[in-house]
Amino acid sequence: MTTDRSIEEPCEATSLTHGFEAERRGRPLRLGSALYERLKALGIPLECGTGGRTKYNRVTRGIEKAHWCDAACVGASTPEHLHLSGVVPLLITADGHGSRQMCLMDKHGFPRTGPKQAKHVQGFQTGDMVRAIVTRGTKIGTYVGRVAVRATGSFNITTKQGTIQGISHRYCTALHTCDGYSYGQGEPLHPSPEKECLFPPPVLPDRGRKEAEV
């Protein structure tokens, strides 16, 4: 198991302050360092690495920048060849459970919409993952994504291609109830092994040869 200690919450000083610097100055440790210490206390195999080493491992192996690619490049034990071609990552986004605000305001602070309606409509709520198979009308097709419910029963579905509006609840089938996250599939990675190394290892001078010449 690996963890990157550079991915942490901002401390009280600034978001660019490193966790080790905050620890030296007596500030509270941030999330990454605290998580590392907790996992280390469990006695499980654990390896940490800095953001600089993660970037070095990623660039020298010709892998494009992505969060899930960085997770595979943390630490000194990163293999020389990572087989990532064709891997489709699962993208998880924290969307929360909605807002307590009863209506939307204009720039002057006056309400510009009506009060919030029922949270559940026809057995669905905003944030559910649904599959809609539309067989009639101008939007015939199959849509899979996160639903936004409306009191009228005409929902909006956010898919990978965009938001489809005006889908009736009759065409919707629940796939996953709302848990505060949305799920989707990312683009497969096609790394180029011929990519030139931007950070080659340093070439140390041959001291023995110089001494022989002298």
N, C-alpha and C. Protein backbone atom coordinates (compact mmCIF):
# COMPACT_ATOMS: atom_id res chain seq x y z
N MET A 1 0.85 -1.20 0.00
CA MET A 1 0.00 0.00 0.00
C MET A 1 0.87 1.23 0.00
N THR A 2 0.51 2.22 -0.79
CA THR A 2 1.31 3.43 -0.90
C THR A 2 0.44 4.63 -0.61
N THR A 3 1.06 5.71 -0.17
CA THR A 3 0.36 6.96 0.06
C THR A 3 1.29 8.11 -0.26
N ASP A 4 0.74 9.15 -0.85
CA ASP A 4 1.51 10.33 -1.21
C ASP A 4 1.28 11.39 -0.15
N ARG A 5 2.31 11.71 0.62
CA ARG A 5 2.15 12.65 1.72
C ARG A 5 2.02 14.09 1.25
N SER A 6 2.17 14.33 -0.03
CA SER A 6 2.01 15.69 -0.54
C SER A 6 0.55 16.01 -0.81
N ILE A 7 -0.33 15.00 -0.83
CA ILE A 7 -1.75 15.23 -1.06
C ILE A 7 -2.42 15.36 0.30
N GLU A 8 -2.51 16.56 0.78
CA GLU A 8 -2.99 16.80 2.13
C GLU A 8 -3.90 18.02 2.15
N GLU A 9 -4.62 18.16 3.26
CA GLU A 9 -5.43 19.34 3.44
C GLU A 9 -4.54 20.55 3.72
N PRO A 10 -4.95 21.75 3.32
CA PRO A 10 -4.15 22.94 3.63
C PRO A 10 -4.10 23.19 5.13
N CYS A 11 -2.94 23.56 5.63
CA CYS A 11 -2.82 23.87 7.05
C CYS A 11 -3.26 25.31 7.29
N GLU A 12 -3.08 25.79 8.52
CA GLU A 12 -3.59 27.10 8.87
C GLU A 12 -2.80 28.23 8.22
N ALA A 13 -1.61 27.95 7.70
CA ALA A 13 -0.79 29.02 7.12
C ALA A 13 -1.15 29.26 5.66
N THR A 14 -0.96 28.27 4.80
CA THR A 14 -1.23 28.43 3.38
C THR A 14 -1.33 27.05 2.76
N SER A 15 -2.02 26.95 1.63
CA SER A 15 -2.19 25.67 0.97
C SER A 15 -0.90 25.17 0.34
N LEU A 16 0.11 26.03 0.19
CA LEU A 16 1.38 25.62 -0.41
C LEU A 16 2.39 25.17 0.63
N THR A 17 2.06 25.27 1.91
CA THR A 17 2.98 24.86 2.96
C THR A 17 3.01 23.35 3.06
N HIS A 18 4.20 22.77 3.06
CA HIS A 18 4.33 21.33 3.12
C HIS A 18 4.02 20.84 4.53
N GLY A 19 3.56 19.58 4.60
CA GLY A 19 3.22 19.02 5.90
C GLY A 19 4.41 18.91 6.81
N PHE A 20 5.58 18.58 6.28
CA PHE A 20 6.76 18.45 7.12
C PHE A 20 7.18 19.81 7.69
N GLU A 21 7.02 20.87 6.90
CA GLU A 21 7.34 22.21 7.39
C GLU A 21 6.37 22.61 8.49
N ALA A 22 5.10 22.27 8.32
CA ALA A 22 4.11 22.58 9.35
C ALA A 22 4.41 21.82 10.64
N GLU A 23 4.86 20.57 10.48
CA GLU A 23 5.20 19.79 11.67
C GLU A 23 6.41 20.40 12.39
N ARG A 24 7.39 20.89 11.63
CA ARG A 24 8.59 21.45 12.24
C ARG A 24 8.26 22.72 13.02
N ARG A 25 7.31 23.50 12.53
CA ARG A 25 6.95 24.75 13.18
C ARG A 25 5.94 24.57 14.31
N GLY A 26 5.57 23.34 14.58
CA GLY A 26 4.65 23.09 15.67
C GLY A 26 3.19 23.19 15.31
N ARG A 27 2.86 23.31 14.02
CA ARG A 27 1.47 23.36 13.61
C ARG A 27 0.90 21.94 13.57
N PRO A 28 -0.42 21.80 13.63
CA PRO A 28 -1.02 20.47 13.55
C PRO A 28 -0.72 19.81 12.22
N LEU A 29 -0.50 18.49 12.24
CA LEU A 29 -0.27 17.75 11.01
C LEU A 29 -1.55 17.74 10.18
N ARG A 30 -1.38 17.72 8.87
CA ARG A 30 -2.53 17.70 7.98
C ARG A 30 -2.96 16.26 7.73
N LEU A 31 -4.00 16.12 6.91
CA LEU A 31 -4.65 14.83 6.75
C LEU A 31 -3.71 13.74 6.27
N GLY A 32 -2.85 14.04 5.27
CA GLY A 32 -1.97 13.01 4.72
C GLY A 32 -1.02 12.45 5.75
N SER A 33 -0.38 13.30 6.55
CA SER A 33 0.55 12.84 7.56
C SER A 33 -0.16 12.08 8.66
N ALA A 34 -1.33 12.55 9.07
CA ALA A 34 -2.08 11.86 10.11
C ALA A 34 -2.52 10.48 9.64
N LEU A 35 -2.97 10.38 8.39
CA LEU A 35 -3.37 9.09 7.83
C LEU A 35 -2.19 8.14 7.76
N TYR A 36 -1.03 8.66 7.37
CA TYR A 36 0.17 7.83 7.29
C TYR A 36 0.53 7.25 8.66
N GLU A 37 0.48 8.08 9.70
CA GLU A 37 0.83 7.60 11.04
C GLU A 37 -0.17 6.57 11.53
N ARG A 38 -1.45 6.77 11.25
CA ARG A 38 -2.46 5.80 11.68
C ARG A 38 -2.27 4.45 10.98
N LEU A 39 -2.03 4.49 9.68
CA LEU A 39 -1.84 3.23 8.95
C LEU A 39 -0.54 2.54 9.36
N LYS A 40 0.47 3.33 9.64
CA LYS A 40 1.75 2.76 10.06
C LYS A 40 1.60 2.03 11.40
N ALA A 41 0.74 2.57 12.27
CA ALA A 41 0.54 1.94 13.59
C ALA A 41 -0.16 0.59 13.47
N LEU A 42 -0.84 0.33 12.36
CA LEU A 42 -1.53 -0.95 12.18
C LEU A 42 -0.57 -2.07 11.81
N GLY A 43 0.65 -1.74 11.42
CA GLY A 43 1.64 -2.76 11.09
C GLY A 43 1.49 -3.36 9.70
N ILE A 44 0.73 -2.72 8.81
CA ILE A 44 0.57 -3.23 7.46
C ILE A 44 1.69 -2.70 6.57
N PRO A 45 2.02 -3.41 5.48
CA PRO A 45 3.06 -2.90 4.57
C PRO A 45 2.66 -1.55 4.00
N LEU A 46 3.51 -0.56 4.21
CA LEU A 46 3.17 0.81 3.84
C LEU A 46 4.39 1.51 3.27
N GLU A 47 4.17 2.27 2.23
CA GLU A 47 5.25 3.05 1.61
C GLU A 47 4.73 4.44 1.31
N CYS A 48 5.53 5.45 1.60
CA CYS A 48 5.14 6.82 1.31
C CYS A 48 6.14 7.42 0.33
N GLY A 49 5.74 8.50 -0.30
CA GLY A 49 6.60 9.16 -1.26
C GLY A 49 6.21 10.61 -1.41
N THR A 50 7.16 11.43 -1.82
CA THR A 50 6.89 12.85 -2.01
C THR A 50 6.27 13.08 -3.38
N GLY A 51 5.71 14.28 -3.55
CA GLY A 51 5.15 14.64 -4.85
C GLY A 51 6.22 14.70 -5.94
N GLY A 52 7.45 15.08 -5.56
CA GLY A 52 8.53 15.14 -6.53
C GLY A 52 8.90 13.77 -7.06
N ARG A 53 8.97 12.77 -6.17
CA ARG A 53 9.28 11.41 -6.63
C ARG A 53 8.15 10.86 -7.48
N THR A 54 6.91 11.17 -7.11
CA THR A 54 5.78 10.70 -7.90
C THR A 54 5.84 11.25 -9.32
N LYS A 55 6.13 12.54 -9.45
CA LYS A 55 6.22 13.15 -10.78
C LYS A 55 7.41 12.57 -11.55
N TYR A 56 8.53 12.34 -10.87
CA TYR A 56 9.70 11.76 -11.54
C TYR A 56 9.36 10.38 -12.09
N ASN A 57 8.71 9.54 -11.27
CA ASN A 57 8.35 8.20 -11.72
C ASN A 57 7.39 8.25 -12.90
N ARG A 58 6.46 9.18 -12.86
CA ARG A 58 5.47 9.27 -13.94
C ARG A 58 6.10 9.75 -15.24
N VAL A 59 6.95 10.78 -15.16
CA VAL A 59 7.53 11.36 -16.38
C VAL A 59 8.55 10.42 -17.01
N THR A 60 9.38 9.79 -16.20
CA THR A 60 10.40 8.90 -16.75
C THR A 60 9.80 7.66 -17.40
N ARG A 61 8.56 7.32 -17.06
CA ARG A 61 7.90 6.17 -17.66
C ARG A 61 6.94 6.56 -18.78
N GLY A 62 6.94 7.87 -19.11
CA GLY A 62 6.14 8.33 -20.24
C GLY A 62 4.65 8.23 -20.02
N ILE A 63 4.18 8.46 -18.79
CA ILE A 63 2.77 8.35 -18.47
C ILE A 63 2.18 9.75 -18.36
N GLU A 64 1.01 9.94 -18.93
CA GLU A 64 0.38 11.26 -18.91
C GLU A 64 -0.12 11.60 -17.51
N LYS A 65 -0.37 12.90 -17.29
CA LYS A 65 -0.78 13.38 -15.98
C LYS A 65 -2.24 13.04 -15.71
N ALA A 66 -2.49 12.33 -14.63
CA ALA A 66 -3.84 12.03 -14.16
C ALA A 66 -3.72 11.57 -12.71
N HIS A 67 -4.75 11.80 -11.93
CA HIS A 67 -4.69 11.45 -10.51
C HIS A 67 -4.51 9.94 -10.32
N TRP A 68 -5.22 9.15 -11.11
CA TRP A 68 -5.12 7.71 -10.92
C TRP A 68 -3.78 7.18 -11.42
N CYS A 69 -3.15 7.89 -12.37
CA CYS A 69 -1.80 7.51 -12.80
C CYS A 69 -0.77 7.86 -11.72
N ASP A 70 -0.96 9.00 -11.06
CA ASP A 70 -0.06 9.36 -9.97
C ASP A 70 -0.13 8.33 -8.85
N ALA A 71 -1.31 7.79 -8.59
CA ALA A 71 -1.44 6.80 -7.52
C ALA A 71 -0.63 5.55 -7.82
N ALA A 72 -0.41 5.25 -9.09
CA ALA A 72 0.39 4.08 -9.46
C ALA A 72 1.88 4.37 -9.49
N CYS A 73 2.27 5.64 -9.30
CA CYS A 73 3.68 6.03 -9.41
C CYS A 73 4.26 6.51 -8.08
N VAL A 74 3.58 6.25 -6.98
CA VAL A 74 4.04 6.72 -5.68
C VAL A 74 5.11 5.78 -5.13
N GLY A 75 6.21 6.34 -4.65
CA GLY A 75 7.21 5.56 -3.93
C GLY A 75 8.33 5.02 -4.79
N ALA A 76 9.37 4.55 -4.10
CA ALA A 76 10.55 4.03 -4.78
C ALA A 76 10.33 2.65 -5.38
N SER A 77 9.31 1.93 -4.96
CA SER A 77 9.07 0.58 -5.45
C SER A 77 8.30 0.54 -6.77
N THR A 78 8.04 1.70 -7.39
CA THR A 78 7.33 1.73 -8.66
C THR A 78 8.11 0.96 -9.72
N PRO A 79 7.50 -0.05 -10.34
CA PRO A 79 8.24 -0.84 -11.35
C PRO A 79 8.62 0.00 -12.55
N GLU A 80 9.62 -0.46 -13.28
CA GLU A 80 10.09 0.27 -14.46
C GLU A 80 9.05 0.31 -15.57
N HIS A 81 8.21 -0.71 -15.65
CA HIS A 81 7.20 -0.79 -16.70
C HIS A 81 5.84 -0.99 -16.06
N LEU A 82 4.95 -0.03 -16.28
CA LEU A 82 3.59 -0.11 -15.80
C LEU A 82 2.66 -0.40 -16.98
N HIS A 83 1.91 -1.47 -16.89
CA HIS A 83 1.02 -1.87 -17.98
C HIS A 83 -0.33 -1.19 -17.77
N LEU A 84 -0.46 0.03 -18.30
CA LEU A 84 -1.68 0.82 -18.13
C LEU A 84 -2.48 0.95 -19.41
N SER A 85 -1.99 0.38 -20.50
CA SER A 85 -2.68 0.51 -21.78
C SER A 85 -4.05 -0.17 -21.72
N GLY A 86 -5.09 0.60 -22.06
CA GLY A 86 -6.43 0.04 -22.07
C GLY A 86 -7.14 0.04 -20.73
N VAL A 87 -6.46 0.45 -19.66
CA VAL A 87 -7.10 0.48 -18.34
C VAL A 87 -8.11 1.63 -18.30
N VAL A 88 -9.33 1.33 -17.88
CA VAL A 88 -10.39 2.34 -17.79
C VAL A 88 -10.61 2.66 -16.32
N PRO A 89 -10.28 3.88 -15.89
CA PRO A 89 -10.42 4.21 -14.46
C PRO A 89 -11.88 4.48 -14.09
N LEU A 90 -12.20 4.22 -12.83
CA LEU A 90 -13.51 4.55 -12.28
C LEU A 90 -13.41 5.93 -11.64
N LEU A 91 -14.17 6.89 -12.15
CA LEU A 91 -14.12 8.26 -11.67
C LEU A 91 -15.23 8.48 -10.63
N ILE A 92 -14.85 8.88 -9.43
CA ILE A 92 -15.79 9.10 -8.34
C ILE A 92 -15.69 10.56 -7.93
N THR A 93 -16.82 11.25 -7.95
CA THR A 93 -16.88 12.67 -7.61
C THR A 93 -17.80 12.87 -6.42
N ALA A 94 -17.32 13.63 -5.42
CA ALA A 94 -18.14 13.94 -4.25
C ALA A 94 -19.10 15.08 -4.59
N ASP A 95 -20.40 14.79 -4.63
CA ASP A 95 -21.41 15.77 -4.97
C ASP A 95 -22.24 16.21 -3.77
N GLY A 96 -22.10 15.54 -2.65
CA GLY A 96 -22.87 15.91 -1.48
C GLY A 96 -24.30 15.40 -1.54
N HIS A 97 -25.09 15.79 -0.55
CA HIS A 97 -26.48 15.33 -0.44
C HIS A 97 -27.46 16.48 -0.66
N GLY A 98 -27.07 17.45 -1.42
CA GLY A 98 -27.97 18.57 -1.68
C GLY A 98 -27.69 19.75 -0.76
N SER A 99 -28.56 20.73 -0.83
CA SER A 99 -28.39 21.96 -0.06
C SER A 99 -29.62 22.19 0.82
N ARG A 100 -29.39 22.85 1.96
CA ARG A 100 -30.50 23.20 2.85
C ARG A 100 -31.19 24.51 2.42
N GLN A 101 -30.61 25.19 1.45
CA GLN A 101 -31.20 26.45 1.00
C GLN A 101 -32.57 26.19 0.38
N MET A 102 -33.58 26.91 0.82
CA MET A 102 -34.96 26.67 0.41
C MET A 102 -35.26 27.21 -0.98
N CYS A 103 -34.57 28.27 -1.41
CA CYS A 103 -34.80 28.81 -2.74
C CYS A 103 -33.56 29.58 -3.18
N LEU A 104 -33.47 29.87 -4.47
CA LEU A 104 -32.33 30.58 -5.02
C LEU A 104 -32.57 32.09 -4.94
N MET A 105 -31.49 32.83 -4.78
CA MET A 105 -31.56 34.29 -4.65
C MET A 105 -30.98 34.98 -5.89
N ASP A 106 -31.43 36.20 -6.12
CA ASP A 106 -30.82 37.00 -7.17
C ASP A 106 -29.66 37.79 -6.59
N LYS A 107 -29.04 38.66 -7.39
CA LYS A 107 -27.85 39.36 -6.93
C LYS A 107 -28.14 40.36 -5.82
N HIS A 108 -29.42 40.71 -5.63
CA HIS A 108 -29.81 41.64 -4.58
C HIS A 108 -30.23 40.93 -3.29
N GLY A 109 -30.28 39.60 -3.32
CA GLY A 109 -30.66 38.84 -2.13
C GLY A 109 -32.12 38.51 -2.02
N PHE A 110 -32.91 38.80 -3.08
CA PHE A 110 -34.32 38.48 -3.06
C PHE A 110 -34.56 37.12 -3.71
N PRO A 111 -35.51 36.34 -3.21
CA PRO A 111 -35.76 35.01 -3.80
C PRO A 111 -36.24 35.12 -5.24
N ARG A 112 -35.69 34.29 -6.10
CA ARG A 112 -36.06 34.30 -7.52
C ARG A 112 -36.68 32.98 -7.95
N THR A 113 -36.80 32.02 -7.04
CA THR A 113 -37.45 30.75 -7.34
C THR A 113 -38.44 30.44 -6.23
N GLY A 114 -39.28 29.47 -6.46
CA GLY A 114 -40.22 29.04 -5.46
C GLY A 114 -39.56 28.20 -4.39
N PRO A 115 -40.27 27.88 -3.34
CA PRO A 115 -39.68 27.05 -2.27
C PRO A 115 -39.36 25.65 -2.77
N LYS A 116 -38.43 25.02 -2.08
CA LYS A 116 -37.99 23.68 -2.46
C LYS A 116 -39.14 22.69 -2.33
N GLN A 117 -39.26 21.85 -3.34
CA GLN A 117 -40.33 20.87 -3.36
C GLN A 117 -39.90 19.59 -2.64
N ALA A 118 -40.71 18.56 -2.76
CA ALA A 118 -40.42 17.28 -2.10
C ALA A 118 -39.10 16.72 -2.60
N LYS A 119 -38.35 16.11 -1.68
CA LYS A 119 -37.04 15.58 -2.03
C LYS A 119 -37.17 14.31 -2.86
N HIS A 120 -38.17 13.49 -2.57
CA HIS A 120 -38.40 12.25 -3.32
C HIS A 120 -39.58 12.44 -4.28
N VAL A 121 -39.36 12.09 -5.54
CA VAL A 121 -40.39 12.19 -6.56
C VAL A 121 -40.48 10.85 -7.29
N GLN A 122 -41.63 10.23 -7.21
CA GLN A 122 -41.89 8.95 -7.89
C GLN A 122 -40.83 7.90 -7.52
N GLY A 123 -40.37 7.94 -6.27
CA GLY A 123 -39.40 6.95 -5.82
C GLY A 123 -37.96 7.29 -6.14
N PHE A 124 -37.68 8.44 -6.74
CA PHE A 124 -36.33 8.86 -7.09
C PHE A 124 -35.99 10.13 -6.30
N GLN A 125 -34.68 10.35 -6.10
CA GLN A 125 -34.22 11.61 -5.53
C GLN A 125 -32.96 12.05 -6.27
N THR A 126 -32.71 13.34 -6.21
CA THR A 126 -31.54 13.88 -6.91
C THR A 126 -30.26 13.21 -6.41
N GLY A 127 -29.45 12.73 -7.33
CA GLY A 127 -28.21 12.04 -7.00
C GLY A 127 -28.25 10.57 -7.29
N ASP A 128 -29.44 10.01 -7.50
CA ASP A 128 -29.53 8.59 -7.84
C ASP A 128 -28.93 8.34 -9.23
N MET A 129 -28.31 7.19 -9.37
CA MET A 129 -27.84 6.75 -10.68
C MET A 129 -28.95 5.94 -11.34
N VAL A 130 -29.35 6.34 -12.54
CA VAL A 130 -30.48 5.70 -13.20
C VAL A 130 -30.11 5.34 -14.64
N ARG A 131 -30.92 4.45 -15.20
CA ARG A 131 -30.86 4.14 -16.62
C ARG A 131 -32.24 4.46 -17.20
N ALA A 132 -32.26 5.31 -18.21
CA ALA A 132 -33.51 5.69 -18.85
C ALA A 132 -33.51 5.16 -20.28
N ILE A 133 -34.49 4.35 -20.60
CA ILE A 133 -34.65 3.81 -21.95
C ILE A 133 -35.88 4.49 -22.55
N VAL A 134 -35.65 5.51 -23.35
CA VAL A 134 -36.72 6.31 -23.94
C VAL A 134 -37.13 5.68 -25.26
N THR A 135 -38.39 5.35 -25.38
CA THR A 135 -38.89 4.67 -26.58
C THR A 135 -39.82 5.54 -27.42
N ARG A 136 -40.18 6.71 -26.88
CA ARG A 136 -41.10 7.59 -27.63
C ARG A 136 -40.61 9.03 -27.54
N GLY A 137 -41.05 9.84 -28.51
CA GLY A 137 -40.71 11.25 -28.50
C GLY A 137 -39.47 11.57 -29.30
N THR A 138 -38.88 12.73 -29.03
CA THR A 138 -37.72 13.21 -29.78
C THR A 138 -36.39 12.84 -29.14
N LYS A 139 -36.43 12.17 -27.98
CA LYS A 139 -35.21 11.83 -27.27
C LYS A 139 -35.06 10.33 -27.11
N ILE A 140 -35.38 9.61 -28.15
CA ILE A 140 -35.29 8.15 -28.12
C ILE A 140 -33.84 7.73 -27.95
N GLY A 141 -33.62 6.82 -27.02
CA GLY A 141 -32.27 6.34 -26.76
C GLY A 141 -32.16 5.83 -25.33
N THR A 142 -30.94 5.43 -24.97
CA THR A 142 -30.65 4.93 -23.62
C THR A 142 -29.68 5.88 -22.96
N TYR A 143 -30.01 6.32 -21.76
CA TYR A 143 -29.19 7.29 -21.04
C TYR A 143 -28.91 6.73 -19.64
N VAL A 144 -27.65 6.80 -19.25
CA VAL A 144 -27.23 6.34 -17.93
C VAL A 144 -26.47 7.47 -17.26
N GLY A 145 -26.88 7.83 -16.06
CA GLY A 145 -26.19 8.90 -15.36
C GLY A 145 -26.89 9.30 -14.09
N ARG A 146 -26.50 10.47 -13.59
CA ARG A 146 -27.03 11.00 -12.33
C ARG A 146 -28.29 11.80 -12.61
N VAL A 147 -29.32 11.55 -11.84
CA VAL A 147 -30.61 12.16 -12.10
C VAL A 147 -30.83 13.36 -11.18
N ALA A 148 -31.50 14.37 -11.71
CA ALA A 148 -31.97 15.51 -10.93
C ALA A 148 -33.49 15.52 -11.05
N VAL A 149 -34.18 15.29 -9.93
CA VAL A 149 -35.63 15.12 -9.97
C VAL A 149 -36.32 16.47 -10.03
N ARG A 150 -37.53 16.46 -10.56
CA ARG A 150 -38.41 17.62 -10.60
C ARG A 150 -39.79 17.17 -10.10
N ALA A 151 -40.50 18.09 -9.47
CA ALA A 151 -41.81 17.75 -8.91
C ALA A 151 -42.79 17.34 -10.00
N THR A 152 -42.56 17.78 -11.23
CA THR A 152 -43.45 17.43 -12.34
C THR A 152 -43.26 16.00 -12.81
N GLY A 153 -42.18 15.33 -12.38
CA GLY A 153 -41.89 13.99 -12.86
C GLY A 153 -41.05 13.96 -14.11
N SER A 154 -40.65 15.13 -14.60
CA SER A 154 -39.77 15.24 -15.76
C SER A 154 -38.36 15.51 -15.25
N PHE A 155 -37.48 14.54 -15.39
CA PHE A 155 -36.16 14.59 -14.76
C PHE A 155 -35.09 15.04 -15.75
N ASN A 156 -33.96 15.48 -15.19
CA ASN A 156 -32.74 15.73 -15.96
C ASN A 156 -31.72 14.66 -15.61
N ILE A 157 -31.05 14.13 -16.61
CA ILE A 157 -30.06 13.08 -16.40
C ILE A 157 -28.72 13.58 -16.92
N THR A 158 -27.73 13.60 -16.03
CA THR A 158 -26.37 14.03 -16.40
C THR A 158 -25.57 12.80 -16.81
N THR A 159 -25.24 12.70 -18.08
CA THR A 159 -24.48 11.58 -18.61
C THR A 159 -23.07 12.03 -18.94
N LYS A 160 -22.28 11.12 -19.45
CA LYS A 160 -20.91 11.42 -19.84
C LYS A 160 -20.88 12.39 -21.01
N GLN A 161 -21.90 12.35 -21.85
CA GLN A 161 -21.95 13.22 -23.03
C GLN A 161 -22.56 14.58 -22.71
N GLY A 162 -23.23 14.72 -21.58
CA GLY A 162 -23.87 15.98 -21.23
C GLY A 162 -25.16 15.73 -20.47
N THR A 163 -25.93 16.81 -20.25
CA THR A 163 -27.18 16.72 -19.50
C THR A 163 -28.36 16.60 -20.47
N ILE A 164 -29.16 15.58 -20.26
CA ILE A 164 -30.36 15.35 -21.05
C ILE A 164 -31.55 15.80 -20.22
N GLN A 165 -32.30 16.76 -20.71
CA GLN A 165 -33.40 17.33 -19.95
C GLN A 165 -34.74 16.77 -20.42
N GLY A 166 -35.68 16.76 -19.46
CA GLY A 166 -37.06 16.39 -19.80
C GLY A 166 -37.27 14.92 -20.03
N ILE A 167 -36.68 14.07 -19.21
CA ILE A 167 -36.89 12.62 -19.30
C ILE A 167 -37.94 12.22 -18.27
N SER A 168 -39.00 11.61 -18.72
CA SER A 168 -40.08 11.22 -17.81
C SER A 168 -39.61 10.12 -16.86
N HIS A 169 -40.17 10.15 -15.65
CA HIS A 169 -39.81 9.14 -14.64
C HIS A 169 -40.24 7.74 -15.07
N ARG A 170 -41.19 7.65 -16.00
CA ARG A 170 -41.66 6.33 -16.45
C ARG A 170 -40.58 5.54 -17.18
N TYR A 171 -39.60 6.24 -17.75
CA TYR A 171 -38.54 5.57 -18.49
C TYR A 171 -37.32 5.24 -17.61
N CYS A 172 -37.34 5.66 -16.37
CA CYS A 172 -36.16 5.56 -15.51
C CYS A 172 -36.19 4.30 -14.65
N THR A 173 -35.02 3.70 -14.52
CA THR A 173 -34.83 2.56 -13.63
C THR A 173 -33.64 2.85 -12.74
N ALA A 174 -33.82 2.70 -11.42
CA ALA A 174 -32.76 3.02 -10.46
C ALA A 174 -31.64 1.98 -10.54
N LEU A 175 -30.40 2.47 -10.62
CA LEU A 175 -29.23 1.60 -10.60
C LEU A 175 -28.50 1.67 -9.27
N HIS A 176 -28.47 2.86 -8.67
CA HIS A 176 -27.74 3.06 -7.41
C HIS A 176 -28.35 4.26 -6.70
N THR A 177 -28.73 4.06 -5.43
CA THR A 177 -29.32 5.16 -4.69
C THR A 177 -28.26 6.17 -4.30
N CYS A 178 -28.70 7.39 -4.05
CA CYS A 178 -27.78 8.50 -3.78
C CYS A 178 -26.99 8.25 -2.50
N ASP A 179 -25.66 8.31 -2.58
CA ASP A 179 -24.80 8.19 -1.41
C ASP A 179 -23.86 9.39 -1.28
N GLY A 180 -24.12 10.47 -2.04
CA GLY A 180 -23.28 11.65 -1.99
C GLY A 180 -22.18 11.67 -3.02
N TYR A 181 -22.09 10.63 -3.87
CA TYR A 181 -21.05 10.54 -4.88
C TYR A 181 -21.68 10.23 -6.23
N SER A 182 -20.98 10.64 -7.27
CA SER A 182 -21.36 10.24 -8.63
C SER A 182 -20.24 9.40 -9.22
N TYR A 183 -20.61 8.46 -10.08
CA TYR A 183 -19.66 7.50 -10.62
C TYR A 183 -19.69 7.54 -12.14
N GLY A 184 -18.53 7.35 -12.72
CA GLY A 184 -18.42 7.32 -14.17
C GLY A 184 -17.12 6.66 -14.59
N GLN A 185 -16.99 6.43 -15.88
CA GLN A 185 -15.79 5.81 -16.44
C GLN A 185 -14.96 6.85 -17.17
N GLY A 186 -13.66 6.85 -16.90
CA GLY A 186 -12.75 7.76 -17.57
C GLY A 186 -12.29 7.21 -18.91
N GLU A 187 -11.43 7.96 -19.56
CA GLU A 187 -10.88 7.55 -20.84
C GLU A 187 -9.73 6.58 -20.63
N PRO A 188 -9.65 5.51 -21.43
CA PRO A 188 -8.51 4.59 -21.30
C PRO A 188 -7.21 5.28 -21.65
N LEU A 189 -6.15 4.84 -21.00
CA LEU A 189 -4.84 5.45 -21.19
C LEU A 189 -4.06 4.67 -22.23
N HIS A 190 -3.37 5.39 -23.09
CA HIS A 190 -2.53 4.77 -24.11
C HIS A 190 -1.12 5.36 -23.99
N PRO A 191 -0.32 4.85 -23.05
CA PRO A 191 1.01 5.42 -22.87
C PRO A 191 1.91 5.14 -24.06
N SER A 192 2.84 6.06 -24.29
CA SER A 192 3.78 5.94 -25.40
C SER A 192 5.15 5.56 -24.86
N PRO A 193 5.61 4.31 -25.07
CA PRO A 193 6.92 3.93 -24.55
C PRO A 193 8.07 4.66 -25.22
N GLU A 194 7.82 5.27 -26.40
CA GLU A 194 8.89 5.97 -27.09
C GLU A 194 9.04 7.41 -26.60
N LYS A 195 8.23 7.83 -25.64
CA LYS A 195 8.30 9.21 -25.17
C LYS A 195 9.65 9.49 -24.52
N GLU A 196 10.22 10.62 -24.88
CA GLU A 196 11.55 10.97 -24.39
C GLU A 196 11.52 11.29 -22.91
N CYS A 197 12.48 10.81 -22.18
CA CYS A 197 12.57 11.05 -20.75
C CYS A 197 12.97 12.50 -20.50
N LEU A 198 12.14 13.23 -19.74
CA LEU A 198 12.42 14.63 -19.47
C LEU A 198 13.37 14.81 -18.30
N PHE A 199 13.45 13.79 -17.43
CA PHE A 199 14.31 13.88 -16.26
C PHE A 199 15.21 12.64 -16.21
N PRO A 200 16.22 12.57 -17.09
CA PRO A 200 17.08 11.38 -17.08
C PRO A 200 17.91 11.34 -15.81
N PRO A 201 18.32 10.15 -15.39
CA PRO A 201 19.15 10.05 -14.19
C PRO A 201 20.49 10.74 -14.41
N PRO A 202 21.03 11.37 -13.37
CA PRO A 202 22.29 12.10 -13.52
C PRO A 202 23.45 11.16 -13.83
N VAL A 203 24.39 11.65 -14.65
CA VAL A 203 25.58 10.88 -15.02
C VAL A 203 26.73 11.34 -14.12
N LEU A 204 27.18 10.43 -13.27
CA LEU A 204 28.26 10.76 -12.35
C LEU A 204 29.61 10.67 -13.05
N PRO A 205 30.56 11.55 -12.74
CA PRO A 205 31.88 11.49 -13.39
C PRO A 205 32.66 10.25 -12.94
N ASP A 206 33.47 9.77 -13.87
CA ASP A 206 34.31 8.60 -13.58
C ASP A 206 35.59 9.09 -12.91
N ARG A 207 35.63 9.06 -11.60
CA ARG A 207 36.80 9.57 -10.88
C ARG A 207 38.03 8.71 -11.08
N GLY A 208 37.83 7.40 -11.24
CA GLY A 208 38.98 6.52 -11.41
C GLY A 208 39.72 6.82 -12.69
N ARG A 209 38.97 7.12 -13.78
CA ARG A 209 39.61 7.41 -15.06
C ARG A 209 40.41 8.71 -14.97
N LYS A 210 39.87 9.74 -14.31
CA LYS A 210 40.57 10.99 -14.20
C LYS A 210 41.87 10.83 -13.40
N GLU A 211 41.81 10.06 -12.32
CA GLU A 211 43.00 9.83 -11.54
C GLU A 211 44.07 9.09 -12.33
N ALA A 212 43.64 8.16 -13.21
CA ALA A 212 44.60 7.42 -14.03
C ALA A 212 45.29 8.35 -15.04
N GLU A 213 44.51 9.29 -15.62
CA GLU A 213 45.08 10.20 -16.59
C GLU A 213 46.09 11.14 -15.94
N VAL A 214 45.80 11.54 -14.71
CA VAL A 214 46.74 12.42 -14.02
C VAL A 214 48.03 11.68 -13.71
